[in-house]
PDB file of all heavy atoms in Angstrom:
ATOM      1  N   LYS A   1      -2.960  12.968 -13.932  1.00  0.00           N
ATOM      2  CA  LYS A   1      -2.272  12.798 -15.213  1.00  0.00           C
ATOM      3  C   LYS A   1      -0.786  12.523 -15.015  1.00  0.00           C
ATOM      4  O   LYS A   1      -0.202  11.687 -15.703  1.00  0.00           O
ATOM      5  CB  LYS A   1      -2.472  14.028 -16.094  1.00  0.00           C
ATOM      6  CG  LYS A   1      -3.884  14.152 -16.626  1.00  0.00           C
ATOM      7  CD  LYS A   1      -4.059  15.449 -17.388  1.00  0.00           C
ATOM      8  CE  LYS A   1      -5.479  15.600 -17.896  1.00  0.00           C
ATOM      9  NZ  LYS A   1      -5.667  16.870 -18.608  1.00  0.00           N
ATOM     10  N   PHE A   2      -0.178  13.212 -14.042  1.00  0.00           N
ATOM     11  CA  PHE A   2       1.239  12.997 -13.772  1.00  0.00           C
ATOM     12  C   PHE A   2       1.470  11.580 -13.234  1.00  0.00           C
ATOM     13  O   PHE A   2       2.383  10.881 -13.668  1.00  0.00           O
ATOM     14  CB  PHE A   2       1.777  14.032 -12.781  1.00  0.00           C
ATOM     15  CG  PHE A   2       3.227  13.824 -12.458  1.00  0.00           C
ATOM     16  CD1 PHE A   2       4.211  14.215 -13.355  1.00  0.00           C
ATOM     17  CD2 PHE A   2       3.617  13.220 -11.269  1.00  0.00           C
ATOM     18  CE1 PHE A   2       5.561  14.000 -13.075  1.00  0.00           C
ATOM     19  CE2 PHE A   2       4.961  13.003 -10.985  1.00  0.00           C
ATOM     20  CZ  PHE A   2       5.931  13.390 -11.887  1.00  0.00           C
ATOM     21  N   ALA A   3       0.611  11.157 -12.298  1.00  0.00           N
ATOM     22  CA  ALA A   3       0.741   9.803 -11.735  1.00  0.00           C
ATOM     23  C   ALA A   3       0.584   8.758 -12.836  1.00  0.00           C
ATOM     24  O   ALA A   3       1.358   7.797 -12.910  1.00  0.00           O
ATOM     25  CB  ALA A   3      -0.285   9.582 -10.628  1.00  0.00           C
ATOM     26  N   ALA A   4      -0.423   8.940 -13.700  1.00  0.00           N
ATOM     27  CA  ALA A   4      -0.686   7.969 -14.766  1.00  0.00           C
ATOM     28  C   ALA A   4       0.488   7.881 -15.739  1.00  0.00           C
ATOM     29  O   ALA A   4       0.888   6.796 -16.153  1.00  0.00           O
ATOM     30  CB  ALA A   4      -1.961   8.346 -15.512  1.00  0.00           C
ATOM     31  N   LYS A   5       1.061   9.034 -16.073  1.00  0.00           N
ATOM     32  CA  LYS A   5       2.122   9.067 -17.081  1.00  0.00           C
ATOM     33  C   LYS A   5       3.499   8.709 -16.514  1.00  0.00           C
ATOM     34  O   LYS A   5       4.255   7.966 -17.133  1.00  0.00           O
ATOM     35  CB  LYS A   5       2.186  10.464 -17.709  1.00  0.00           C
ATOM     36  CG  LYS A   5       3.246  10.594 -18.776  1.00  0.00           C
ATOM     37  CD  LYS A   5       3.277  11.990 -19.364  1.00  0.00           C
ATOM     38  CE  LYS A   5       4.370  12.059 -20.418  1.00  0.00           C
ATOM     39  NZ  LYS A   5       4.900  13.398 -20.577  1.00  0.00           N
ATOM     40  N   SER A   6       3.814   9.251 -15.331  1.00  0.00           N
ATOM     41  CA  SER A   6       5.208   9.207 -14.875  1.00  0.00           C
ATOM     42  C   SER A   6       5.466   8.433 -13.592  1.00  0.00           C
ATOM     43  O   SER A   6       6.616   8.294 -13.197  1.00  0.00           O
ATOM     44  CB  SER A   6       5.708  10.645 -14.671  1.00  0.00           C
ATOM     45  OG  SER A   6       5.567  11.372 -15.859  1.00  0.00           O
ATOM     46  N   ARG A   7       4.416   7.966 -12.923  1.00  0.00           N
ATOM     47  CA  ARG A   7       4.617   7.290 -11.643  1.00  0.00           C
ATOM     48  C   ARG A   7       3.865   5.958 -11.573  1.00  0.00           C
ATOM     49  O   ARG A   7       2.889   5.808 -10.837  1.00  0.00           O
ATOM     50  CB  ARG A   7       4.155   8.205 -10.501  1.00  0.00           C
ATOM     51  CG  ARG A   7       4.986   9.470 -10.273  1.00  0.00           C
ATOM     52  CD  ARG A   7       6.349   9.221  -9.658  1.00  0.00           C
ATOM     53  NE  ARG A   7       6.317   8.421  -8.449  1.00  0.00           N
ATOM     54  CZ  ARG A   7       6.120   8.897  -7.227  1.00  0.00           C
ATOM     55  NH1 ARG A   7       5.952  10.185  -7.032  1.00  0.00           N
ATOM     56  NH2 ARG A   7       6.110   8.080  -6.194  1.00  0.00           N
ATOM     57  N   PRO A   8       4.316   4.955 -12.331  1.00  0.00           N
ATOM     58  CA  PRO A   8       3.633   3.652 -12.307  1.00  0.00           C
ATOM     59  C   PRO A   8       3.692   2.972 -10.936  1.00  0.00           C
ATOM     60  O   PRO A   8       2.951   2.040 -10.680  1.00  0.00           O
ATOM     61  CB  PRO A   8       4.372   2.838 -13.373  1.00  0.00           C
ATOM     62  CG  PRO A   8       5.685   3.520 -13.546  1.00  0.00           C
ATOM     63  CD  PRO A   8       5.465   4.976 -13.236  1.00  0.00           C
ATOM     64  N   ASP A   9       4.556   3.469 -10.056  1.00  0.00           N
ATOM     65  CA  ASP A   9       4.680   2.910  -8.711  1.00  0.00           C
ATOM     66  C   ASP A   9       3.526   3.344  -7.792  1.00  0.00           C
ATOM     67  O   ASP A   9       3.288   2.738  -6.763  1.00  0.00           O
ATOM     68  CB  ASP A   9       6.009   3.352  -8.087  1.00  0.00           C
ATOM     69  CG  ASP A   9       6.150   4.876  -8.043  1.00  0.00           C
ATOM     70  OD1 ASP A   9       5.941   5.530  -9.092  1.00  0.00           O
ATOM     71  OD2 ASP A   9       6.466   5.414  -6.971  1.00  0.00           O
ATOM     72  N   ILE A  10       2.820   4.391  -8.174  1.00  0.00           N
ATOM     73  CA  ILE A  10       1.757   4.933  -7.325  1.00  0.00           C
ATOM     74  C   ILE A  10       0.469   4.160  -7.511  1.00  0.00           C
ATOM     75  O   ILE A  10       0.087   3.843  -8.634  1.00  0.00           O
ATOM     76  CB  ILE A  10       1.535   6.430  -7.643  1.00  0.00           C
ATOM     77  CG1 ILE A  10       2.695   7.216  -7.055  1.00  0.00           C
ATOM     78  CG2 ILE A  10       0.208   6.930  -7.090  1.00  0.00           C
ATOM     79  CD1 ILE A  10       2.514   8.690  -7.067  1.00  0.00           C
ATOM     80  N   LYS A  11      -0.205   3.885  -6.402  1.00  0.00           N
ATOM     81  CA  LYS A  11      -1.538   3.279  -6.440  1.00  0.00           C
ATOM     82  C   LYS A  11      -2.550   4.418  -6.441  1.00  0.00           C
ATOM     83  O   LYS A  11      -2.467   5.330  -5.613  1.00  0.00           O
ATOM     84  CB  LYS A  11      -1.763   2.403  -5.217  1.00  0.00           C
ATOM     85  CG  LYS A  11      -0.747   1.286  -5.064  1.00  0.00           C
ATOM     86  CD  LYS A  11      -1.301  -0.002  -5.571  1.00  0.00           C
ATOM     87  CE  LYS A  11      -0.431  -1.168  -5.156  1.00  0.00           C
ATOM     88  NZ  LYS A  11       0.121  -1.900  -6.249  1.00  0.00           N
ATOM     89  N   ILE A  12      -3.505   4.365  -7.371  1.00  0.00           N
ATOM     90  CA  ILE A  12      -4.552   5.383  -7.441  1.00  0.00           C
ATOM     91  C   ILE A  12      -5.794   4.797  -6.778  1.00  0.00           C
ATOM     92  O   ILE A  12      -6.318   3.776  -7.217  1.00  0.00           O
ATOM     93  CB  ILE A  12      -4.810   5.822  -8.896  1.00  0.00           C
ATOM     94  CG1 ILE A  12      -3.497   6.357  -9.509  1.00  0.00           C
ATOM     95  CG2 ILE A  12      -5.919   6.870  -8.940  1.00  0.00           C
ATOM     96  CD1 ILE A  12      -3.567   6.685 -10.987  1.00  0.00           C
ATOM     97  N   MET A  13      -6.231   5.468  -5.707  1.00  0.00           N
ATOM     98  CA  MET A  13      -7.241   4.912  -4.813  1.00  0.00           C
ATOM     99  C   MET A  13      -8.561   5.676  -4.861  1.00  0.00           C
ATOM    100  O   MET A  13      -8.590   6.857  -5.183  1.00  0.00           O
ATOM    101  CB  MET A  13      -6.707   4.947  -3.371  1.00  0.00           C
ATOM    102  CG  MET A  13      -5.326   4.326  -3.180  1.00  0.00           C
ATOM    103  SD  MET A  13      -5.257   2.579  -3.591  1.00  0.00           S
ATOM    104  CE  MET A  13      -6.347   1.915  -2.332  1.00  0.00           C
ATOM    105  N   SER A  14      -9.635   4.989  -4.452  1.00  0.00           N
ATOM    106  CA  SER A  14     -10.943   5.641  -4.328  1.00  0.00           C
ATOM    107  C   SER A  14     -11.003   6.408  -3.005  1.00  0.00           C
ATOM    108  O   SER A  14     -10.264   6.111  -2.060  1.00  0.00           O
ATOM    109  CB  SER A  14     -12.066   4.608  -4.382  1.00  0.00           C
ATOM    110  OG  SER A  14     -12.155   3.919  -3.149  1.00  0.00           O
ATOM    111  N   SER A  15     -11.903   7.359  -2.936  1.00  0.00           N
ATOM    112  CA  SER A  15     -12.018   8.195  -1.732  1.00  0.00           C
ATOM    113  C   SER A  15     -12.560   7.431  -0.529  1.00  0.00           C
ATOM    114  O   SER A  15     -12.461   7.898   0.593  1.00  0.00           O
ATOM    115  CB  SER A  15     -12.905   9.405  -2.031  1.00  0.00           C
ATOM    116  OG  SER A  15     -14.191   8.975  -2.424  1.00  0.00           O
ATOM    117  N   GLU A  16     -13.120   6.250  -0.735  1.00  0.00           N
ATOM    118  CA  GLU A  16     -13.651   5.451   0.384  1.00  0.00           C
ATOM    119  C   GLU A  16     -12.555   4.708   1.146  1.00  0.00           C
ATOM    120  O   GLU A  16     -12.772   4.263   2.267  1.00  0.00           O
ATOM    121  CB  GLU A  16     -14.667   4.407  -0.114  1.00  0.00           C
ATOM    122  CG  GLU A  16     -15.942   4.975  -0.675  1.00  0.00           C
ATOM    123  CD  GLU A  16     -15.806   5.347  -2.150  1.00  0.00           C
ATOM    124  OE1 GLU A  16     -15.103   4.630  -2.895  1.00  0.00           O
ATOM    125  OE2 GLU A  16     -16.376   6.384  -2.534  1.00  0.00           O
ATOM    126  N   TRP A  17     -11.393   4.528   0.542  1.00  0.00           N
ATOM    127  CA  TRP A  17     -10.361   3.663   1.113  1.00  0.00           C
ATOM    128  C   TRP A  17      -9.999   4.020   2.557  1.00  0.00           C
ATOM    129  O   TRP A  17     -10.107   3.182   3.451  1.00  0.00           O
ATOM    130  CB  TRP A  17      -9.113   3.692   0.222  1.00  0.00           C
ATOM    131  CG  TRP A  17      -7.929   2.951   0.778  1.00  0.00           C
ATOM    132  CD1 TRP A  17      -7.917   1.682   1.273  1.00  0.00           C
ATOM    133  CD2 TRP A  17      -6.595   3.429   0.885  1.00  0.00           C
ATOM    134  NE1 TRP A  17      -6.653   1.337   1.678  1.00  0.00           N
ATOM    135  CE2 TRP A  17      -5.822   2.396   1.451  1.00  0.00           C
ATOM    136  CE3 TRP A  17      -5.974   4.626   0.554  1.00  0.00           C
ATOM    137  CZ2 TRP A  17      -4.456   2.530   1.687  1.00  0.00           C
ATOM    138  CZ3 TRP A  17      -4.619   4.749   0.780  1.00  0.00           C
ATOM    139  CH2 TRP A  17      -3.876   3.719   1.344  1.00  0.00           C
ATOM    140  N   ILE A  18      -9.553   5.238   2.803  1.00  0.00           N
ATOM    141  CA  ILE A  18      -9.091   5.618   4.139  1.00  0.00           C
ATOM    142  C   ILE A  18     -10.233   5.556   5.174  1.00  0.00           C
ATOM    143  O   ILE A  18     -10.050   4.969   6.242  1.00  0.00           O
ATOM    144  CB  ILE A  18      -8.392   7.002   4.134  1.00  0.00           C
ATOM    145  CG1 ILE A  18      -7.094   6.940   3.313  1.00  0.00           C
ATOM    146  CG2 ILE A  18      -8.132   7.503   5.556  1.00  0.00           C
ATOM    147  CD1 ILE A  18      -5.983   6.069   3.877  1.00  0.00           C
ATOM    148  N   PRO A  19     -11.424   6.120   4.895  1.00  0.00           N
ATOM    149  CA  PRO A  19     -12.507   6.010   5.880  1.00  0.00           C
ATOM    150  C   PRO A  19     -12.877   4.555   6.228  1.00  0.00           C
ATOM    151  O   PRO A  19     -13.095   4.234   7.394  1.00  0.00           O
ATOM    152  CB  PRO A  19     -13.680   6.747   5.220  1.00  0.00           C
ATOM    153  CG  PRO A  19     -13.014   7.743   4.316  1.00  0.00           C
ATOM    154  CD  PRO A  19     -11.781   7.042   3.802  1.00  0.00           C
ATOM    155  N   VAL A  20     -12.924   3.671   5.232  1.00  0.00           N
ATOM    156  CA  VAL A  20     -13.253   2.259   5.483  1.00  0.00           C
ATOM    157  C   VAL A  20     -12.135   1.593   6.288  1.00  0.00           C
ATOM    158  O   VAL A  20     -12.390   0.873   7.257  1.00  0.00           O
ATOM    159  CB  VAL A  20     -13.519   1.506   4.157  1.00  0.00           C
ATOM    160  CG1 VAL A  20     -13.580  -0.003   4.370  1.00  0.00           C
ATOM    161  CG2 VAL A  20     -14.813   2.003   3.514  1.00  0.00           C
ATOM    162  N   LEU A  21     -10.898   1.835   5.909  1.00  0.00           N
ATOM    163  CA  LEU A  21      -9.753   1.266   6.622  1.00  0.00           C
ATOM    164  C   LEU A  21      -9.721   1.764   8.068  1.00  0.00           C
ATOM    165  O   LEU A  21      -9.512   0.990   9.006  1.00  0.00           O
ATOM    166  CB  LEU A  21      -8.447   1.641   5.903  1.00  0.00           C
ATOM    167  CG  LEU A  21      -7.169   1.049   6.477  1.00  0.00           C
ATOM    168  CD1 LEU A  21      -7.158  -0.463   6.364  1.00  0.00           C
ATOM    169  CD2 LEU A  21      -5.958   1.636   5.750  1.00  0.00           C
ATOM    170  N   TYR A  22      -9.972   3.048   8.240  1.00  0.00           N
ATOM    171  CA  TYR A  22      -9.972   3.653   9.580  1.00  0.00           C
ATOM    172  C   TYR A  22     -11.044   2.999  10.460  1.00  0.00           C
ATOM    173  O   TYR A  22     -10.780   2.656  11.611  1.00  0.00           O
ATOM    174  CB  TYR A  22     -10.206   5.163   9.468  1.00  0.00           C
ATOM    175  CG  TYR A  22     -10.163   5.872  10.804  1.00  0.00           C
ATOM    176  CD1 TYR A  22      -8.947   6.197  11.401  1.00  0.00           C
ATOM    177  CD2 TYR A  22     -11.340   6.196  11.475  1.00  0.00           C
ATOM    178  CE1 TYR A  22      -8.904   6.836  12.624  1.00  0.00           C
ATOM    179  CE2 TYR A  22     -11.300   6.832  12.706  1.00  0.00           C
ATOM    180  CZ  TYR A  22     -10.091   7.155  13.277  1.00  0.00           C
ATOM    181  OH  TYR A  22     -10.045   7.782  14.495  1.00  0.00           O
ATOM    182  N   GLU A  23     -12.236   2.823   9.909  1.00  0.00           N
ATOM    183  CA  GLU A  23     -13.333   2.200  10.665  1.00  0.00           C
ATOM    184  C   GLU A  23     -12.963   0.781  11.090  1.00  0.00           C
ATOM    185  O   GLU A  23     -13.196   0.387  12.238  1.00  0.00           O
ATOM    186  CB  GLU A  23     -14.617   2.208   9.820  1.00  0.00           C
ATOM    187  CG  GLU A  23     -15.888   2.112  10.621  1.00  0.00           C
ATOM    188  CD  GLU A  23     -15.974   3.083  11.793  1.00  0.00           C
ATOM    189  OE1 GLU A  23     -15.687   4.291  11.632  1.00  0.00           O
ATOM    190  OE2 GLU A  23     -16.323   2.618  12.907  1.00  0.00           O
ATOM    191  N   SER A  24     -12.370   0.016  10.199  1.00  0.00           N
ATOM    192  CA  SER A  24     -11.921  -1.349  10.525  1.00  0.00           C
ATOM    193  C   SER A  24     -10.881  -1.320  11.635  1.00  0.00           C
ATOM    194  O   SER A  24     -10.902  -2.143  12.549  1.00  0.00           O
ATOM    195  CB  SER A  24     -11.325  -2.031   9.291  1.00  0.00           C
ATOM    196  OG  SER A  24     -12.290  -2.161   8.283  1.00  0.00           O
ATOM    197  N   TRP A  25      -9.973  -0.363  11.547  1.00  0.00           N
ATOM    198  CA  TRP A  25      -8.891  -0.220  12.534  1.00  0.00           C
ATOM    199  C   TRP A  25      -9.462   0.124  13.904  1.00  0.00           C
ATOM    200  O   TRP A  25      -9.088  -0.470  14.914  1.00  0.00           O
ATOM    201  CB  TRP A  25      -7.933   0.859  12.030  1.00  0.00           C
ATOM    202  CG  TRP A  25      -6.749   1.152  12.897  1.00  0.00           C
ATOM    203  CD1 TRP A  25      -5.713   0.309  13.178  1.00  0.00           C
ATOM    204  CD2 TRP A  25      -6.468   2.382  13.576  1.00  0.00           C
ATOM    205  NE1 TRP A  25      -4.789   0.960  13.978  1.00  0.00           N
ATOM    206  CE2 TRP A  25      -5.235   2.226  14.238  1.00  0.00           C
ATOM    207  CE3 TRP A  25      -7.125   3.600  13.666  1.00  0.00           C
ATOM    208  CZ2 TRP A  25      -4.660   3.246  14.993  1.00  0.00           C
ATOM    209  CZ3 TRP A  25      -6.551   4.609  14.406  1.00  0.00           C
ATOM    210  CH2 TRP A  25      -5.339   4.425  15.062  1.00  0.00           C
ATOM    211  N   VAL A  26     -10.394   1.093  13.938  1.00  0.00           N
ATOM    212  CA  VAL A  26     -11.020   1.507  15.205  1.00  0.00           C
ATOM    213  C   VAL A  26     -11.778   0.336  15.830  1.00  0.00           C
ATOM    214  O   VAL A  26     -11.776   0.169  17.052  1.00  0.00           O
ATOM    215  CB  VAL A  26     -11.962   2.721  14.964  1.00  0.00           C
ATOM    216  CG1 VAL A  26     -12.853   2.978  16.164  1.00  0.00           C
ATOM    217  CG2 VAL A  26     -11.141   3.965  14.640  1.00  0.00           C
ATOM    218  N   GLN A  27     -12.414  -0.496  14.992  1.00  0.00           N
ATOM    219  CA  GLN A  27     -13.170  -1.660  15.486  1.00  0.00           C
ATOM    220  C   GLN A  27     -12.232  -2.780  15.957  1.00  0.00           C
ATOM    221  O   GLN A  27     -12.701  -3.775  16.489  1.00  0.00           O
ATOM    222  CB  GLN A  27     -14.100  -2.213  14.393  1.00  0.00           C
ATOM    223  CG  GLN A  27     -15.167  -1.258  13.904  1.00  0.00           C
ATOM    224  CD  GLN A  27     -16.115  -0.794  14.982  1.00  0.00           C
ATOM    225  OE1 GLN A  27     -16.452  -1.543  15.893  1.00  0.00           O
ATOM    226  NE2 GLN A  27     -16.511   0.472  14.910  1.00  0.00           N
ATOM    227  N   GLY A  28     -10.936  -2.585  15.742  1.00  0.00           N
ATOM    228  CA  GLY A  28      -9.972  -3.594  16.181  1.00  0.00           C
ATOM    229  C   GLY A  28      -9.880  -4.791  15.261  1.00  0.00           C
ATOM    230  O   GLY A  28      -9.336  -5.831  15.634  1.00  0.00           O
ATOM    231  N   GLU A  29     -10.425  -4.668  14.061  1.00  0.00           N
ATOM    232  CA  GLU A  29     -10.375  -5.780  13.110  1.00  0.00           C
ATOM    233  C   GLU A  29      -8.935  -6.047  12.698  1.00  0.00           C
ATOM    234  O   GLU A  29      -8.109  -5.144  12.666  1.00  0.00           O
ATOM    235  CB  GLU A  29     -11.229  -5.465  11.871  1.00  0.00           C
ATOM    236  CG  GLU A  29     -12.712  -5.410  12.158  1.00  0.00           C
ATOM    237  CD  GLU A  29     -13.524  -4.976  10.943  1.00  0.00           C
ATOM    238  OE1 GLU A  29     -13.053  -5.158   9.801  1.00  0.00           O
ATOM    239  OE2 GLU A  29     -14.632  -4.445  11.161  1.00  0.00           O
ATOM    240  N   ASP A  30      -8.674  -7.299  12.369  1.00  0.00           N
ATOM    241  CA  ASP A  30      -7.370  -7.668  11.846  1.00  0.00           C
ATOM    242  C   ASP A  30      -7.230  -7.080  10.449  1.00  0.00           C
ATOM    243  O   ASP A  30      -8.001  -7.410   9.559  1.00  0.00           O
ATOM    244  CB  ASP A  30      -7.243  -9.191  11.761  1.00  0.00           C
ATOM    245  CG  ASP A  30      -6.259  -9.733  12.771  1.00  0.00           C
ATOM    246  OD1 ASP A  30      -5.572  -8.918  13.418  1.00  0.00           O
ATOM    247  OD2 ASP A  30      -6.181 -10.961  12.910  1.00  0.00           O
ATOM    248  N   LEU A  31      -6.290  -6.191  10.272  1.00  0.00           N
ATOM    249  CA  LEU A  31      -6.068  -5.613   8.958  1.00  0.00           C
ATOM    250  C   LEU A  31      -5.071  -6.487   8.226  1.00  0.00           C
ATOM    251  O   LEU A  31      -3.945  -6.665   8.682  1.00  0.00           O
ATOM    252  CB  LEU A  31      -5.546  -4.177   9.084  1.00  0.00           C
ATOM    253  CG  LEU A  31      -6.493  -3.202   9.775  1.00  0.00           C
ATOM    254  CD1 LEU A  31      -5.835  -1.849   9.946  1.00  0.00           C
ATOM    255  CD2 LEU A  31      -7.785  -3.071   8.992  1.00  0.00           C
ATOM    256  N   ASP A  32      -5.523  -7.060   7.107  1.00  0.00           N
ATOM    257  CA  ASP A  32      -4.636  -7.945   6.354  1.00  0.00           C
ATOM    258  C   ASP A  32      -3.460  -7.149   5.780  1.00  0.00           C
ATOM    259  O   ASP A  32      -3.439  -5.928   5.817  1.00  0.00           O
ATOM    260  CB  ASP A  32      -5.399  -8.678   5.251  1.00  0.00           C
ATOM    261  CG  ASP A  32      -5.974  -7.736   4.199  1.00  0.00           C
ATOM    262  OD1 ASP A  32      -5.867  -6.508   4.385  1.00  0.00           O
ATOM    263  OD2 ASP A  32      -6.511  -8.227   3.207  1.00  0.00           O
ATOM    264  N   ASP A  33      -2.503  -7.873   5.237  1.00  0.00           N
ATOM    265  CA  ASP A  33      -1.318  -7.227   4.686  1.00  0.00           C
ATOM    266  C   ASP A  33      -1.655  -6.234   3.581  1.00  0.00           C
ATOM    267  O   ASP A  33      -0.955  -5.257   3.375  1.00  0.00           O
ATOM    268  CB  ASP A  33      -0.338  -8.280   4.145  1.00  0.00           C
ATOM    269  CG  ASP A  33       0.297  -9.088   5.266  1.00  0.00           C
ATOM    270  OD1 ASP A  33       0.300  -8.600   6.418  1.00  0.00           O
ATOM    271  OD2 ASP A  33       0.771 -10.203   4.992  1.00  0.00           O
ATOM    272  N   GLY A  34      -2.756  -6.475   2.873  1.00  0.00           N
ATOM    273  CA  GLY A  34      -3.136  -5.602   1.768  1.00  0.00           C
ATOM    274  C   GLY A  34      -3.744  -4.295   2.210  1.00  0.00           C
ATOM    275  O   GLY A  34      -3.853  -3.368   1.423  1.00  0.00           O
ATOM    276  N   LEU A  35      -4.154  -4.200   3.487  1.00  0.00           N
ATOM    277  CA  LEU A  35      -4.758  -2.979   4.024  1.00  0.00           C
ATOM    278  C   LEU A  35      -5.888  -2.451   3.137  1.00  0.00           C
ATOM    279  O   LEU A  35      -6.046  -1.246   2.966  1.00  0.00           O
ATOM    280  CB  LEU A  35      -3.685  -1.895   4.228  1.00  0.00           C
ATOM    281  CG  LEU A  35      -2.594  -2.256   5.233  1.00  0.00           C
ATOM    282  CD1 LEU A  35      -1.468  -1.255   5.185  1.00  0.00           C
ATOM    283  CD2 LEU A  35      -3.173  -2.339   6.638  1.00  0.00           C
ATOM    284  N   LEU A  36      -6.646  -3.376   2.555  1.00  0.00           N
ATOM    285  CA  LEU A  36      -7.793  -3.050   1.701  1.00  0.00           C
ATOM    286  C   LEU A  36      -7.400  -2.266   0.449  1.00  0.00           C
ATOM    287  O   LEU A  36      -8.262  -1.675  -0.200  1.00  0.00           O
ATOM    288  CB  LEU A  36      -8.863  -2.280   2.491  1.00  0.00           C
ATOM    289  CG  LEU A  36      -9.398  -2.945   3.762  1.00  0.00           C
ATOM    290  CD1 LEU A  36     -10.361  -2.009   4.491  1.00  0.00           C
ATOM    291  CD2 LEU A  36     -10.088  -4.264   3.448  1.00  0.00           C
TER     292      LEU A  36
END
């Protein structure tokens, strides 16, 4: 609620983001600028 109301700069992410990104990183995949 605080992020939604007072922090428009914050990205609200799903719980899959870090595990998926980590797996790509470990596999040596090219991580685009958007980092998924």
